[in-house]
Amino acid sequence: MRCSCKECGTDMIQAESLHLGCVCPECGYRCTDCLGTNTVVPRDQLARLQEDPRFDPEALAASLRDPEEAGPDADDWSEDGGYGR
C-alpha cells in the first residue's frame, strides 16, 4: 500500500521493525493508518487469540447462521428473538 505523509505529503515507506507501520523518508513521521485501526496487535497477544474459543471457525460459523435455519432446538436463541435464557 502507498501512504502519503500527513505532515509533508511525501510517499511513505513501510518499516519492518519492532514498531510496524510506515515512516516518511523526508520528515520521519510514523503512522499505522494503513494497518487498519491505527493499532498493532503484538505477536504474543496474537498467539493468545489463536487459543480463544470465540475465534474457533465453528463458533464463528455458528454465530453467523440465520437463527431460523437453526431450527427450534437452537441452544442460544430464544423465542423473542434475543440471546440467552
PDB file of N, CA and C in Angstrom:
ATOM      1  N   MET A   1       0.840  -1.173   0.000  1.00  0.00           N
ATOM      2  CA  MET A   1       0.000   0.000   0.000  1.00  0.00           C
ATOM      3  C   MET A   1       0.885   1.237   0.000  1.00  0.00           C
ATOM      4  N   ARG A   2       0.453   2.261  -0.680  1.00  0.00           N
ATOM      5  CA  ARG A   2       1.165   3.540  -0.708  1.00  0.00           C
ATOM      6  C   ARG A   2       0.468   4.514   0.228  1.00  0.00           C
ATOM      7  N   CYS A   3       1.215   5.108   1.115  1.00  0.00           N
ATOM      8  CA  CYS A   3       0.692   6.122   2.026  1.00  0.00           C
ATOM      9  C   CYS A   3       1.414   7.430   1.758  1.00  0.00           C
ATOM     10  N   SER A   4       0.700   8.508   1.919  1.00  0.00           N
ATOM     11  CA  SER A   4       1.317   9.827   1.851  1.00  0.00           C
ATOM     12  C   SER A   4       1.440  10.361   3.265  1.00  0.00           C
ATOM     13  N   CYS A   5       2.545  10.989   3.557  1.00  0.00           N
ATOM     14  CA  CYS A   5       2.798  11.551   4.877  1.00  0.00           C
ATOM     15  C   CYS A   5       1.774  12.647   5.180  1.00  0.00           C
ATOM     16  N   LYS A   6       1.181  12.589   6.353  1.00  0.00           N
ATOM     17  CA  LYS A   6       0.212  13.602   6.769  1.00  0.00           C
ATOM     18  C   LYS A   6       0.878  14.941   7.048  1.00  0.00           C
ATOM     19  N   GLU A   7       2.172  14.908   7.295  1.00  0.00           N
ATOM     20  CA  GLU A   7       2.890  16.136   7.630  1.00  0.00           C
ATOM     21  C   GLU A   7       3.412  16.864   6.389  1.00  0.00           C
ATOM     22  N   CYS A   8       4.045  16.121   5.462  1.00  0.00           N
ATOM     23  CA  CYS A   8       4.686  16.801   4.327  1.00  0.00           C
ATOM     24  C   CYS A   8       4.229  16.303   2.957  1.00  0.00           C
ATOM     25  N   GLY A   9       3.432  15.222   2.899  1.00  0.00           N
ATOM     26  CA  GLY A   9       2.899  14.737   1.633  1.00  0.00           C
ATOM     27  C   GLY A   9       3.790  13.784   0.867  1.00  0.00           C
ATOM     28  N   THR A  10       4.988  13.508   1.340  1.00  0.00           N
ATOM     29  CA  THR A  10       5.918  12.587   0.679  1.00  0.00           C
ATOM     30  C   THR A  10       5.391  11.155   0.795  1.00  0.00           C
ATOM     31  N   ASP A  11       5.638  10.322  -0.236  1.00  0.00           N
ATOM     32  CA  ASP A  11       5.274   8.905  -0.152  1.00  0.00           C
ATOM     33  C   ASP A  11       6.063   8.252   0.965  1.00  0.00           C
ATOM     34  N   MET A  12       5.343   7.487   1.791  1.00  0.00           N
ATOM     35  CA  MET A  12       5.974   6.841   2.941  1.00  0.00           C
ATOM     36  C   MET A  12       6.410   5.427   2.582  1.00  0.00           C
ATOM     37  N   ILE A  13       7.288   4.887   3.389  1.00  0.00           N
ATOM     38  CA  ILE A  13       7.836   3.551   3.192  1.00  0.00           C
ATOM     39  C   ILE A  13       7.436   2.695   4.386  1.00  0.00           C
ATOM     40  N   GLN A  14       7.023   1.445   4.125  1.00  0.00           N
ATOM     41  CA  GLN A  14       6.685   0.552   5.234  1.00  0.00           C
ATOM     42  C   GLN A  14       7.951   0.162   5.972  1.00  0.00           C
ATOM     43  N   ALA A  15       7.891   0.297   7.293  1.00  0.00           N
ATOM     44  CA  ALA A  15       9.026  -0.032   8.141  1.00  0.00           C
ATOM     45  C   ALA A  15       8.789  -1.389   8.787  1.00  0.00           C
ATOM     46  N   GLU A  16       9.703  -2.301   8.630  1.00  0.00           N
ATOM     47  CA  GLU A  16       9.605  -3.611   9.256  1.00  0.00           C
ATOM     48  C   GLU A  16      10.600  -3.659  10.402  1.00  0.00           C
ATOM     49  N   SER A  17      10.121  -3.264  11.561  1.00  0.00           N
ATOM     50  CA  SER A  17      10.942  -3.273  12.766  1.00  0.00           C
ATOM     51  C   SER A  17      10.021  -3.642  13.925  1.00  0.00           C
ATOM     52  N   LEU A  18      10.437  -3.414  15.141  1.00  0.00           N
ATOM     53  CA  LEU A  18       9.575  -3.695  16.287  1.00  0.00           C
ATOM     54  C   LEU A  18       8.325  -2.821  16.264  1.00  0.00           C
ATOM     55  N   HIS A  19       8.431  -1.632  15.652  1.00  0.00           N
ATOM     56  CA  HIS A  19       7.302  -0.720  15.529  1.00  0.00           C
ATOM     57  C   HIS A  19       6.835  -0.759  14.084  1.00  0.00           C
ATOM     58  N   LEU A  20       5.834  -1.629  13.777  1.00  0.00           N
ATOM     59  CA  LEU A  20       5.347  -1.768  12.413  1.00  0.00           C
ATOM     60  C   LEU A  20       4.589  -0.528  11.976  1.00  0.00           C
ATOM     61  N   GLY A  21       4.580  -0.258  10.697  1.00  0.00           N
ATOM     62  CA  GLY A  21       3.857   0.869  10.143  1.00  0.00           C
ATOM     63  C   GLY A  21       4.651   1.480   9.021  1.00  0.00           C
ATOM     64  N   CYS A  22       4.395   2.758   8.746  1.00  0.00           N
ATOM     65  CA  CYS A  22       5.100   3.471   7.685  1.00  0.00           C
ATOM     66  C   CYS A  22       5.901   4.615   8.282  1.00  0.00           C
ATOM     67  N   VAL A  23       6.986   4.947   7.616  1.00  0.00           N
ATOM     68  CA  VAL A  23       7.822   6.064   8.046  1.00  0.00           C
ATOM     69  C   VAL A  23       8.124   6.942   6.827  1.00  0.00           C
ATOM     70  N   CYS A  24       8.073   8.252   7.041  1.00  0.00           N
ATOM     71  CA  CYS A  24       8.355   9.208   5.973  1.00  0.00           C
ATOM     72  C   CYS A  24       9.865   9.392   5.847  1.00  0.00           C
ATOM     73  N   PRO A  25      10.406   9.218   4.640  1.00  0.00           N
ATOM     74  CA  PRO A  25      11.848   9.385   4.474  1.00  0.00           C
ATOM     75  C   PRO A  25      12.290  10.849   4.561  1.00  0.00           C
ATOM     76  N   GLU A  26      11.351  11.787   4.413  1.00  0.00           N
ATOM     77  CA  GLU A  26      11.693  13.210   4.465  1.00  0.00           C
ATOM     78  C   GLU A  26      11.705  13.755   5.887  1.00  0.00           C
ATOM     79  N   CYS A  27      10.584  13.579   6.607  1.00  0.00           N
ATOM     80  CA  CYS A  27      10.462  14.225   7.926  1.00  0.00           C
ATOM     81  C   CYS A  27      10.491  13.237   9.095  1.00  0.00           C
ATOM     82  N   GLY A  28      10.407  11.925   8.793  1.00  0.00           N
ATOM     83  CA  GLY A  28      10.469  10.932   9.862  1.00  0.00           C
ATOM     84  C   GLY A  28       9.141  10.632  10.539  1.00  0.00           C
ATOM     85  N   TYR A  29       8.038  11.227  10.066  1.00  0.00           N
ATOM     86  CA  TYR A  29       6.710  10.956  10.634  1.00  0.00           C
ATOM     87  C   TYR A  29       6.390   9.477  10.480  1.00  0.00           C
ATOM     88  N   ARG A  30       5.802   8.889  11.534  1.00  0.00           N
ATOM     89  CA  ARG A  30       5.428   7.470  11.509  1.00  0.00           C
ATOM     90  C   ARG A  30       3.933   7.346  11.713  1.00  0.00           C
ATOM     91  N   CYS A  31       3.329   6.340  11.074  1.00  0.00           N
ATOM     92  CA  CYS A  31       1.907   6.073  11.309  1.00  0.00           C
ATOM     93  C   CYS A  31       1.616   4.591  11.049  1.00  0.00           C
ATOM     94  N   THR A  32       0.448   4.166  11.498  1.00  0.00           N
ATOM     95  CA  THR A  32      -0.028   2.800  11.266  1.00  0.00           C
ATOM     96  C   THR A  32      -1.400   2.830  10.617  1.00  0.00           C
ATOM     97  N   ASP A  33      -1.759   3.941   9.974  1.00  0.00           N
ATOM     98  CA  ASP A  33      -3.093   4.087   9.386  1.00  0.00           C
ATOM     99  C   ASP A  33      -3.434   2.987   8.394  1.00  0.00           C
ATOM    100  N   CYS A  34      -2.491   2.593   7.555  1.00  0.00           N
ATOM    101  CA  CYS A  34      -2.787   1.593   6.543  1.00  0.00           C
ATOM    102  C   CYS A  34      -2.937   0.185   7.142  1.00  0.00           C
ATOM    103  N   LEU A  35      -2.632   0.044   8.405  1.00  0.00           N
ATOM    104  CA  LEU A  35      -2.809  -1.261   9.060  1.00  0.00           C
ATOM    105  C   LEU A  35      -4.232  -1.437   9.563  1.00  0.00           C
ATOM    106  N   GLY A  36      -5.047  -0.418   9.477  1.00  0.00           N
ATOM    107  CA  GLY A  36      -6.448  -0.557   9.826  1.00  0.00           C
ATOM    108  C   GLY A  36      -6.920   0.342  10.937  1.00  0.00           C
ATOM    109  N   THR A  37      -6.617   0.002  12.157  1.00  0.00           N
ATOM    110  CA  THR A  37      -7.202   0.716  13.286  1.00  0.00           C
ATOM    111  C   THR A  37      -6.206   1.620  13.988  1.00  0.00           C
ATOM    112  N   ASN A  38      -5.100   1.880  13.382  1.00  0.00           N
ATOM    113  CA  ASN A  38      -4.027   2.676  13.972  1.00  0.00           C
ATOM    114  C   ASN A  38      -3.457   2.006  15.222  1.00  0.00           C
ATOM    115  N   THR A  39      -3.611   0.682  15.292  1.00  0.00           N
ATOM    116  CA  THR A  39      -3.033  -0.106  16.377  1.00  0.00           C
ATOM    117  C   THR A  39      -2.414  -1.362  15.780  1.00  0.00           C
ATOM    118  N   VAL A  40      -1.491  -1.918  16.482  1.00  0.00           N
ATOM    119  CA  VAL A  40      -0.867  -3.166  16.073  1.00  0.00           C
ATOM    120  C   VAL A  40      -1.002  -4.142  17.227  1.00  0.00           C
ATOM    121  N   VAL A  41      -1.414  -5.378  16.934  1.00  0.00           N
ATOM    122  CA  VAL A  41      -1.516  -6.409  17.953  1.00  0.00           C
ATOM    123  C   VAL A  41      -0.151  -7.064  18.078  1.00  0.00           C
ATOM    124  N   PRO A  42       0.455  -6.996  19.270  1.00  0.00           N
ATOM    125  CA  PRO A  42       1.759  -7.638  19.455  1.00  0.00           C
ATOM    126  C   PRO A  42       1.669  -9.146  19.196  1.00  0.00           C
ATOM    127  N   ARG A  43       2.771  -9.730  18.788  1.00  0.00           N
ATOM    128  CA  ARG A  43       2.796 -11.156  18.430  1.00  0.00           C
ATOM    129  C   ARG A  43       2.331 -12.059  19.570  1.00  0.00           C
ATOM    130  N   ASP A  44       2.695 -11.741  20.815  1.00  0.00           N
ATOM    131  CA  ASP A  44       2.282 -12.602  21.927  1.00  0.00           C
ATOM    132  C   ASP A  44       0.770 -12.534  22.137  1.00  0.00           C
ATOM    133  N   GLN A  45       0.154 -11.376  21.956  1.00  0.00           N
ATOM    134  CA  GLN A  45      -1.299 -11.276  22.070  1.00  0.00           C
ATOM    135  C   GLN A  45      -1.985 -12.004  20.923  1.00  0.00           C
ATOM    136  N   LEU A  46      -1.420 -11.912  19.737  1.00  0.00           N
ATOM    137  CA  LEU A  46      -1.974 -12.599  18.585  1.00  0.00           C
ATOM    138  C   LEU A  46      -1.940 -14.110  18.796  1.00  0.00           C
ATOM    139  N   ALA A  47      -0.863 -14.604  19.374  1.00  0.00           N
ATOM    140  CA  ALA A  47      -0.751 -16.041  19.662  1.00  0.00           C
ATOM    141  C   ALA A  47      -1.816 -16.473  20.673  1.00  0.00           C
ATOM    142  N   ARG A  48      -2.086 -15.626  21.674  1.00  0.00           N
ATOM    143  CA  ARG A  48      -3.124 -15.958  22.659  1.00  0.00           C
ATOM    144  C   ARG A  48      -4.512 -15.965  22.026  1.00  0.00           C
ATOM    145  N   LEU A  49      -4.754 -15.092  21.052  1.00  0.00           N
ATOM    146  CA  LEU A  49      -6.052 -15.064  20.377  1.00  0.00           C
ATOM    147  C   LEU A  49      -6.323 -16.356  19.624  1.00  0.00           C
ATOM    148  N   GLN A  50      -5.255 -17.023  19.188  1.00  0.00           N
ATOM    149  CA  GLN A  50      -5.407 -18.283  18.471  1.00  0.00           C
ATOM    150  C   GLN A  50      -6.085 -19.331  19.363  1.00  0.00           C
ATOM    151  N   GLU A  51      -5.860 -19.245  20.657  1.00  0.00           N
ATOM    152  CA  GLU A  51      -6.437 -20.201  21.593  1.00  0.00           C
ATOM    153  C   GLU A  51      -7.820 -19.770  22.100  1.00  0.00           C
ATOM    154  N   ASP A  52      -8.256 -18.556  21.770  1.00  0.00           N
ATOM    155  CA  ASP A  52      -9.535 -18.031  22.244  1.00  0.00           C
ATOM    156  C   ASP A  52     -10.676 -18.757  21.540  1.00  0.00           C
ATOM    157  N   PRO A  53     -11.599 -19.386  22.291  1.00  0.00           N
ATOM    158  CA  PRO A  53     -12.675 -20.150  21.660  1.00  0.00           C
ATOM    159  C   PRO A  53     -13.616 -19.290  20.816  1.00  0.00           C
ATOM    160  N   ARG A  54     -13.653 -17.985  21.041  1.00  0.00           N
ATOM    161  CA  ARG A  54     -14.518 -17.115  20.231  1.00  0.00           C
ATOM    162  C   ARG A  54     -14.080 -17.079  18.776  1.00  0.00           C
ATOM    163  N   PHE A  55     -12.816 -17.395  18.509  1.00  0.00           N
ATOM    164  CA  PHE A  55     -12.299 -17.334  17.156  1.00  0.00           C
ATOM    165  C   PHE A  55     -12.179 -18.709  16.507  1.00  0.00           C
ATOM    166  N   ASP A  56     -12.737 -19.719  17.136  1.00  0.00           N
ATOM    167  CA  ASP A  56     -12.787 -21.049  16.557  1.00  0.00           C
ATOM    168  C   ASP A  56     -13.660 -20.991  15.300  1.00  0.00           C
ATOM    169  N   PRO A  57     -13.217 -21.562  14.182  1.00  0.00           N
ATOM    170  CA  PRO A  57     -14.002 -21.472  12.944  1.00  0.00           C
ATOM    171  C   PRO A  57     -15.440 -21.948  13.088  1.00  0.00           C
ATOM    172  N   GLU A  58     -15.671 -23.003  13.843  1.00  0.00           N
ATOM    173  CA  GLU A  58     -17.037 -23.492  14.010  1.00  0.00           C
ATOM    174  C   GLU A  58     -17.879 -22.528  14.830  1.00  0.00           C
ATOM    175  N   ALA A  59     -17.284 -21.918  15.854  1.00  0.00           N
ATOM    176  CA  ALA A  59     -18.015 -20.950  16.662  1.00  0.00           C
ATOM    177  C   ALA A  59     -18.359 -19.711  15.836  1.00  0.00           C
ATOM    178  N   LEU A  60     -17.428 -19.268  15.003  1.00  0.00           N
ATOM    179  CA  LEU A  60     -17.700 -18.120  14.140  1.00  0.00           C
ATOM    180  C   LEU A  60     -18.807 -18.442  13.147  1.00  0.00           C
ATOM    181  N   ALA A  61     -18.758 -19.615  12.554  1.00  0.00           N
ATOM    182  CA  ALA A  61     -19.787 -20.003  11.591  1.00  0.00           C
ATOM    183  C   ALA A  61     -21.151 -20.087  12.267  1.00  0.00           C
ATOM    184  N   ALA A  62     -21.188 -20.625  13.471  1.00  0.00           N
ATOM    185  CA  ALA A  62     -22.456 -20.730  14.201  1.00  0.00           C
ATOM    186  C   ALA A  62     -23.020 -19.354  14.514  1.00  0.00           C
ATOM    187  N   SER A  63     -22.161 -18.399  14.826  1.00  0.00           N
ATOM    188  CA  SER A  63     -22.643 -17.058  15.152  1.00  0.00           C
ATOM    189  C   SER A  63     -23.177 -16.330  13.926  1.00  0.00           C
ATOM    190  N   LEU A  64     -22.804 -16.771  12.738  1.00  0.00           N
ATOM    191  CA  LEU A  64     -23.256 -16.117  11.513  1.00  0.00           C
ATOM    192  C   LEU A  64     -24.487 -16.768  10.898  1.00  0.00           C
ATOM    193  N   ARG A  65     -24.876 -17.934  11.400  1.00  0.00           N
ATOM    194  CA  ARG A  65     -26.028 -18.639  10.841  1.00  0.00           C
ATOM    195  C   ARG A  65     -27.314 -17.871  11.116  1.00  0.00           C
ATOM    196  N   ASP A  66     -28.255 -18.003  10.200  1.00  0.00           N
ATOM    197  CA  ASP A  66     -29.578 -17.424  10.383  1.00  0.00           C
ATOM    198  C   ASP A  66     -30.284 -18.222  11.472  1.00  0.00           C
ATOM    199  N   PRO A  67     -30.805 -17.576  12.509  1.00  0.00           N
ATOM    200  CA  PRO A  67     -31.450 -18.307  13.607  1.00  0.00           C
ATOM    201  C   PRO A  67     -32.624 -19.160  13.148  1.00  0.00           C
ATOM    202  N   GLU A  68     -33.325 -18.766  12.078  1.00  0.00           N
ATOM    203  CA  GLU A  68     -34.446 -19.565  11.595  1.00  0.00           C
ATOM    204  C   GLU A  68     -33.968 -20.855  10.958  1.00  0.00           C
ATOM    205  N   GLU A  69     -32.752 -20.848  10.398  1.00  0.00           N
ATOM    206  CA  GLU A  69     -32.191 -22.069   9.823  1.00  0.00           C
ATOM    207  C   GLU A  69     -31.790 -23.051  10.907  1.00  0.00           C
ATOM    208  N   ALA A  70     -31.474 -22.545  12.092  1.00  0.00           N
ATOM    209  CA  ALA A  70     -31.015 -23.406  13.175  1.00  0.00           C
ATOM    210  C   ALA A  70     -32.136 -24.278  13.712  1.00  0.00           C
ATOM    211  N   GLY A  71     -33.375 -23.845  13.541  1.00  0.00           N
ATOM    212  CA  GLY A  71     -34.499 -24.636  13.997  1.00  0.00           C
ATOM    213  C   GLY A  71     -34.864 -24.337  15.434  1.00  0.00           C
ATOM    214  N   PRO A  72     -35.924 -24.979  15.934  1.00  0.00           N
ATOM    215  CA  PRO A  72     -36.433 -24.687  17.276  1.00  0.00           C
ATOM    216  C   PRO A  72     -35.544 -25.184  18.401  1.00  0.00           C
ATOM    217  N   ASP A  73     -34.607 -26.070  18.126  1.00  0.00           N
ATOM    218  CA  ASP A  73     -33.753 -26.621  19.174  1.00  0.00           C
ATOM    219  C   ASP A  73     -32.448 -25.856  19.347  1.00  0.00           C
ATOM    220  N   ALA A  74     -32.317 -24.685  18.737  1.00  0.00           N
ATOM    221  CA  ALA A  74     -31.084 -23.908  18.861  1.00  0.00           C
ATOM    222  C   ALA A  74     -30.868 -23.530  20.320  1.00  0.00           C
ATOM    223  N   ASP A  75     -29.686 -23.808  20.845  1.00  0.00           N
ATOM    224  CA  ASP A  75     -29.395 -23.592  22.260  1.00  0.00           C
ATOM    225  C   ASP A  75     -29.448 -22.139  22.689  1.00  0.00           C
ATOM    226  N   ASP A  76     -28.909 -21.232  21.870  1.00  0.00           N
ATOM    227  CA  ASP A  76     -28.729 -19.850  22.299  1.00  0.00           C
ATOM    228  C   ASP A  76     -29.837 -18.906  21.853  1.00  0.00           C
ATOM    229  N   TRP A  77     -30.776 -19.358  21.087  1.00  0.00           N
ATOM    230  CA  TRP A  77     -31.753 -18.453  20.516  1.00  0.00           C
ATOM    231  C   TRP A  77     -33.077 -18.595  21.251  1.00  0.00           C
ATOM    232  N   SER A  78     -33.632 -17.473  21.706  1.00  0.00           N
ATOM    233  CA  SER A  78     -34.918 -17.530  22.425  1.00  0.00           C
ATOM    234  C   SER A  78     -36.043 -17.147  21.490  1.00  0.00           C
ATOM    235  N   GLU A  79     -37.268 -17.436  21.909  1.00  0.00           N
ATOM    236  CA  GLU A  79     -38.449 -17.178  21.112  1.00  0.00           C
ATOM    237  C   GLU A  79     -38.641 -15.705  20.781  1.00  0.00           C
ATOM    238  N   ASP A  80     -38.206 -14.806  21.671  1.00  0.00           N
ATOM    239  CA  ASP A  80     -38.419 -13.368  21.457  1.00  0.00           C
ATOM    240  C   ASP A  80     -37.369 -12.753  20.552  1.00  0.00           C
ATOM    241  N   GLY A  81     -36.486 -13.553  19.990  1.00  0.00           N
ATOM    242  CA  GLY A  81     -35.507 -13.037  19.043  1.00  0.00           C
ATOM    243  C   GLY A  81     -34.223 -12.563  19.686  1.00  0.00           C
ATOM    244  N   GLY A  82     -34.006 -12.885  20.942  1.00  0.00           N
ATOM    245  CA  GLY A  82     -32.793 -12.459  21.620  1.00  0.00           C
ATOM    246  C   GLY A  82     -31.962 -13.647  22.051  1.00  0.00           C
ATOM    247  N   TYR A  83     -30.778 -13.349  22.522  1.00  0.00           N
ATOM    248  CA  TYR A  83     -29.895 -14.407  23.002  1.00  0.00           C
ATOM    249  C   TYR A  83     -30.072 -14.596  24.489  1.00  0.00           C
ATOM    250  N   GLY A  84     -29.740 -15.764  24.940  1.00  0.00           N
ATOM    251  CA  GLY A  84     -29.759 -16.070  26.368  1.00  0.00           C
ATOM    252  C   GLY A  84     -31.097 -16.579  26.845  1.00  0.00           C
ATOM    253  N   ARG A  85     -31.060 -17.186  28.000  1.00  0.00           N
ATOM    254  CA  ARG A  85     -32.298 -17.718  28.592  1.00  0.00           C
ATOM    255  C   ARG A  85     -32.410 -17.267  30.009  1.00  0.00           C
TER     256      ARG A  85
END
